[in-house]
Amino acid sequence: MSVTTSSCSSIEHCSNLETFLHSVTPVIKHASVPLTGTNEVQTNIGFKSAHTKLQDIWEIYDEWSCCGVGVPILLETGESIVQYYVPYLSAIQIFTSTGSNHDNDEDDNDNINLTNLGCSSYEDHLYVQFNESCSPYMRVPFLDKIIELAQNYPGLLTFDINDISPASWMSVAWLVLGGLETAKIDVAGKIRNRP
């Protein structure tokens, strides 16, 4: 597991906003898995991609919840510091295809026809929707909230990434670790603290 590579070659060539987004974007890299069950080295033919579970993504956020994500910030003085941020779930919508084998008792009013959105010709079904109403400082850690939601929506822990629709999304609030200050990222890409 690692974070994505940026088009920036170093912090001096990135805005603070680009550096922040680069630092908090999770990417899971998997090696190919042989179909034959042998340990022989093969070409791409005869290999399949390992499947990514939603739980793989949640584990990255869990690590970040415990330790914070270090984000290099270039100050106006030219000095570089590392500021740590912690993620909290703000909102999530997970859609599954209507042909999916996963159970959901939501009514048909939650179906979305993606043709109208220019995506494809199948309908997706709203599996789970959550909007946090607590202040970020009153929220439970990211994975704790996912586990709480999974009590009613177990697919949050068992779905393969291929089980969910591209219409699925989540919103994450990032708070500065170690203080009662929140981070503000302005349009120019500067990060500054405010009380």
Protein backbone atom coordinates (compact mmCIF):
# COMPACT_ATOMS: atom_id res chain seq x y z
CA MET A 1 0.00 0.00 0.00
CA SER A 2 1.28 3.45 -0.86
CA VAL A 3 0.27 6.90 -1.90
CA THR A 4 0.12 8.05 -5.51
CA THR A 5 3.00 9.69 -7.27
CA SER A 6 2.57 13.33 -8.13
CA SER A 7 3.55 15.27 -11.21
CA CYS A 8 5.67 17.36 -8.83
CA SER A 9 9.30 16.28 -8.66
CA SER A 10 9.83 17.82 -5.22
CA ILE A 11 8.04 19.92 -2.62
CA GLU A 12 9.58 23.09 -4.10
CA HIS A 13 7.67 22.46 -7.34
CA CYS A 14 4.27 21.75 -5.74
CA SER A 15 1.73 24.02 -4.17
CA ASN A 16 0.82 23.13 -0.60
CA LEU A 17 -2.60 22.06 -1.89
CA GLU A 18 -1.02 19.64 -4.40
CA THR A 19 1.24 18.26 -1.69
CA PHE A 20 -1.72 17.81 0.67
CA LEU A 21 -3.82 15.99 -1.96
CA HIS A 22 -0.84 13.84 -2.93
CA SER A 23 -0.25 12.88 0.71
CA VAL A 24 -3.85 11.95 1.59
CA THR A 25 -4.77 9.99 -1.54
CA PRO A 26 -4.73 6.24 -0.81
CA VAL A 27 -3.62 3.82 -3.50
CA ILE A 28 -3.42 0.08 -3.07
CA LYS A 29 -0.88 -1.71 -5.23
CA HIS A 30 -1.25 -5.44 -5.74
CA ALA A 31 1.02 -7.94 -7.42
CA SER A 32 -0.45 -10.31 -9.97
CA VAL A 33 -1.56 -13.69 -8.69
CA PRO A 34 -0.76 -16.83 -10.75
CA LEU A 35 -3.84 -18.73 -11.92
CA THR A 36 -2.04 -22.07 -11.99
CA GLY A 37 -1.15 -22.11 -8.29
CA THR A 38 2.54 -22.59 -9.09
CA ASN A 39 5.34 -20.26 -8.13
CA GLU A 40 6.66 -20.01 -11.69
CA VAL A 41 7.30 -16.60 -13.17
CA GLN A 42 4.93 -16.08 -16.08
CA THR A 43 4.01 -13.35 -18.51
CA ASN A 44 0.81 -11.37 -18.01
CA ILE A 45 -1.08 -14.17 -19.73
CA GLY A 46 -2.16 -16.62 -17.05
CA PHE A 47 -2.29 -14.02 -14.28
CA LYS A 48 -5.24 -12.33 -12.70
CA SER A 49 -5.30 -9.13 -10.68
CA ALA A 50 -5.74 -9.46 -6.95
CA HIS A 51 -9.08 -8.07 -5.86
CA THR A 52 -9.26 -4.98 -3.72
CA LYS A 53 -11.76 -5.02 -0.88
CA LEU A 54 -13.27 -1.90 0.62
CA GLN A 55 -11.71 -3.10 3.85
CA ASP A 56 -8.24 -2.60 2.26
CA ILE A 57 -9.07 1.08 1.86
CA TRP A 58 -10.49 1.36 5.39
CA GLU A 59 -7.25 -0.10 6.79
CA ILE A 60 -5.23 2.73 5.24
CA TYR A 61 -7.53 5.29 6.85
CA ASP A 62 -7.29 3.39 10.14
CA GLU A 63 -3.49 3.69 10.10
CA TRP A 64 -3.79 7.39 9.29
CA SER A 65 -6.31 7.80 12.15
CA CYS A 66 -3.78 6.38 14.61
CA CYS A 67 -0.59 8.05 13.38
CA GLY A 68 -1.73 10.93 11.21
CA VAL A 69 -0.61 11.66 7.66
CA GLY A 70 2.55 13.72 7.40
CA VAL A 71 2.16 16.50 4.85
CA PRO A 72 5.21 18.57 3.92
CA ILE A 73 4.30 22.26 3.92
CA LEU A 74 6.40 25.04 2.46
CA LEU A 75 6.06 28.19 4.53
CA GLU A 76 6.22 31.69 3.04
CA THR A 77 9.70 32.05 4.60
CA GLY A 78 10.91 29.13 2.47
CA GLU A 79 11.15 26.82 5.48
CA SER A 80 9.64 23.35 5.08
CA ILE A 81 7.74 21.69 7.94
CA VAL A 82 5.65 18.54 8.26
CA GLN A 83 2.08 18.95 9.51
CA TYR A 84 0.09 15.85 10.52
CA TYR A 85 -3.60 15.37 9.69
CA VAL A 86 -6.14 12.81 10.90
CA PRO A 87 -9.14 11.65 8.78
CA TYR A 88 -12.77 11.52 9.93
CA LEU A 89 -15.67 10.22 7.84
CA SER A 90 -18.04 13.05 6.91
CA ALA A 91 -20.34 11.35 4.41
CA ILE A 92 -20.55 8.25 2.26
CA GLN A 93 -22.82 6.79 -0.42
CA ILE A 94 -22.20 3.27 -1.69
CA PHE A 95 -24.16 2.09 -4.72
CA THR A 96 -24.37 -1.49 -5.98
CA SER A 97 -25.68 -2.74 -9.31
CA THR A 98 -29.30 -3.89 -9.21
CA GLY A 99 -28.15 -7.27 -10.50
CA SER A 100 -25.88 -7.73 -7.49
CA ASN A 101 -26.29 -10.68 -5.11
CA HIS A 102 -25.97 -8.41 -2.08
CA ASP A 103 -29.04 -7.92 0.12
CA ASN A 104 -30.52 -4.52 0.78
CA ASP A 105 -33.98 -3.71 2.05
CA GLU A 106 -34.03 -0.10 0.81
CA ASP A 107 -37.02 0.77 -1.38
CA ASP A 108 -36.87 1.30 -5.14
CA ASN A 109 -36.94 5.10 -4.75
CA ASP A 110 -33.21 4.91 -4.03
CA ASN A 111 -32.37 3.56 -7.51
CA ILE A 112 -30.42 5.81 -9.84
CA ASN A 113 -30.47 5.42 -13.59
CA LEU A 114 -26.89 6.19 -14.60
CA THR A 115 -27.91 6.70 -18.22
CA ASN A 116 -29.17 10.12 -17.23
CA LEU A 117 -25.73 10.86 -15.76
CA GLY A 118 -23.98 9.79 -18.97
CA CYS A 119 -22.33 6.75 -17.35
CA SER A 120 -23.91 3.53 -18.59
CA SER A 121 -27.25 1.90 -19.24
CA TYR A 122 -27.72 0.00 -15.97
CA GLU A 123 -29.35 1.07 -12.75
CA ASP A 124 -27.56 1.22 -9.44
CA HIS A 125 -29.10 0.72 -6.04
CA LEU A 126 -28.25 2.83 -3.01
CA TYR A 127 -26.73 0.38 -0.51
CA VAL A 128 -25.78 2.80 2.27
CA GLN A 129 -25.89 6.53 2.84
CA PHE A 130 -24.44 8.32 5.85
CA ASN A 131 -24.01 12.01 6.64
CA GLU A 132 -22.17 12.94 9.84
CA SER A 133 -23.86 15.66 11.86
CA CYS A 134 -21.38 15.86 14.76
CA SER A 135 -18.64 18.47 14.94
CA PRO A 136 -15.34 17.02 13.66
CA TYR A 137 -13.95 17.21 17.21
CA MET A 138 -16.79 15.02 18.51
CA ARG A 139 -16.47 12.29 15.86
CA VAL A 140 -15.31 8.74 16.45
CA PRO A 141 -12.22 7.52 14.55
CA PHE A 142 -12.69 6.68 10.87
CA LEU A 143 -12.65 2.87 11.11
CA ASP A 144 -14.84 2.89 14.24
CA LYS A 145 -17.53 4.73 12.23
CA ILE A 146 -17.20 2.24 9.33
CA ILE A 147 -17.56 -0.70 11.76
CA GLU A 148 -20.59 0.97 13.36
CA LEU A 149 -22.20 1.38 9.90
CA ALA A 150 -21.25 -2.20 8.97
CA GLN A 151 -23.51 -3.52 11.73
CA ASN A 152 -26.43 -2.67 9.42
CA TYR A 153 -24.49 -2.72 6.13
CA PRO A 154 -21.98 -5.62 6.27
CA GLY A 155 -20.97 -5.04 2.66
CA LEU A 156 -18.82 -2.15 3.89
CA LEU A 157 -16.42 -4.80 5.18
CA THR A 158 -16.96 -7.52 2.58
CA PHE A 159 -17.54 -5.84 -0.80
CA ASP A 160 -14.89 -6.14 -3.44
CA ILE A 161 -14.24 -2.85 -5.21
CA ASN A 162 -15.87 -4.42 -8.30
CA ASP A 163 -19.12 -4.90 -6.33
CA ILE A 164 -19.72 -1.17 -6.04
CA SER A 165 -20.70 1.35 -8.67
CA PRO A 166 -18.46 4.19 -9.88
CA ALA A 167 -21.25 6.47 -8.59
CA SER A 168 -20.15 5.60 -5.03
CA TRP A 169 -18.29 8.28 -3.08
CA MET A 170 -17.19 9.42 0.36
CA SER A 171 -16.17 12.68 1.97
CA VAL A 172 -13.37 12.86 4.54
CA ALA A 173 -12.65 15.70 6.97
CA TRP A 174 -8.94 16.17 7.74
CA LEU A 175 -8.08 17.70 11.11
CA VAL A 176 -4.68 18.88 12.27
CA LEU A 177 -3.21 16.36 14.71
CA GLY A 178 -2.05 17.53 18.11
CA GLY A 179 -3.96 20.73 18.59
CA LEU A 180 -7.32 22.37 18.72
CA GLU A 181 -6.74 24.16 15.45
CA THR A 182 -8.32 23.27 12.13
CA ALA A 183 -6.49 23.45 8.84
CA LYS A 184 -7.74 25.73 6.14
CA ILE A 185 -6.63 25.21 2.56
CA ASP A 186 -7.28 28.32 0.54
CA VAL A 187 -7.71 28.50 -3.21
CA ALA A 188 -4.07 29.50 -3.74
CA GLY A 189 -3.05 26.19 -2.20
CA LYS A 190 -1.61 27.60 1.02
CA ILE A 191 -2.34 25.80 4.23
CA ARG A 192 -2.63 27.91 7.33
CA ASN A 193 -3.92 27.31 10.83
CA ARG A 194 -6.76 29.23 12.36
CA PRO A 195 -8.30 29.00 15.83
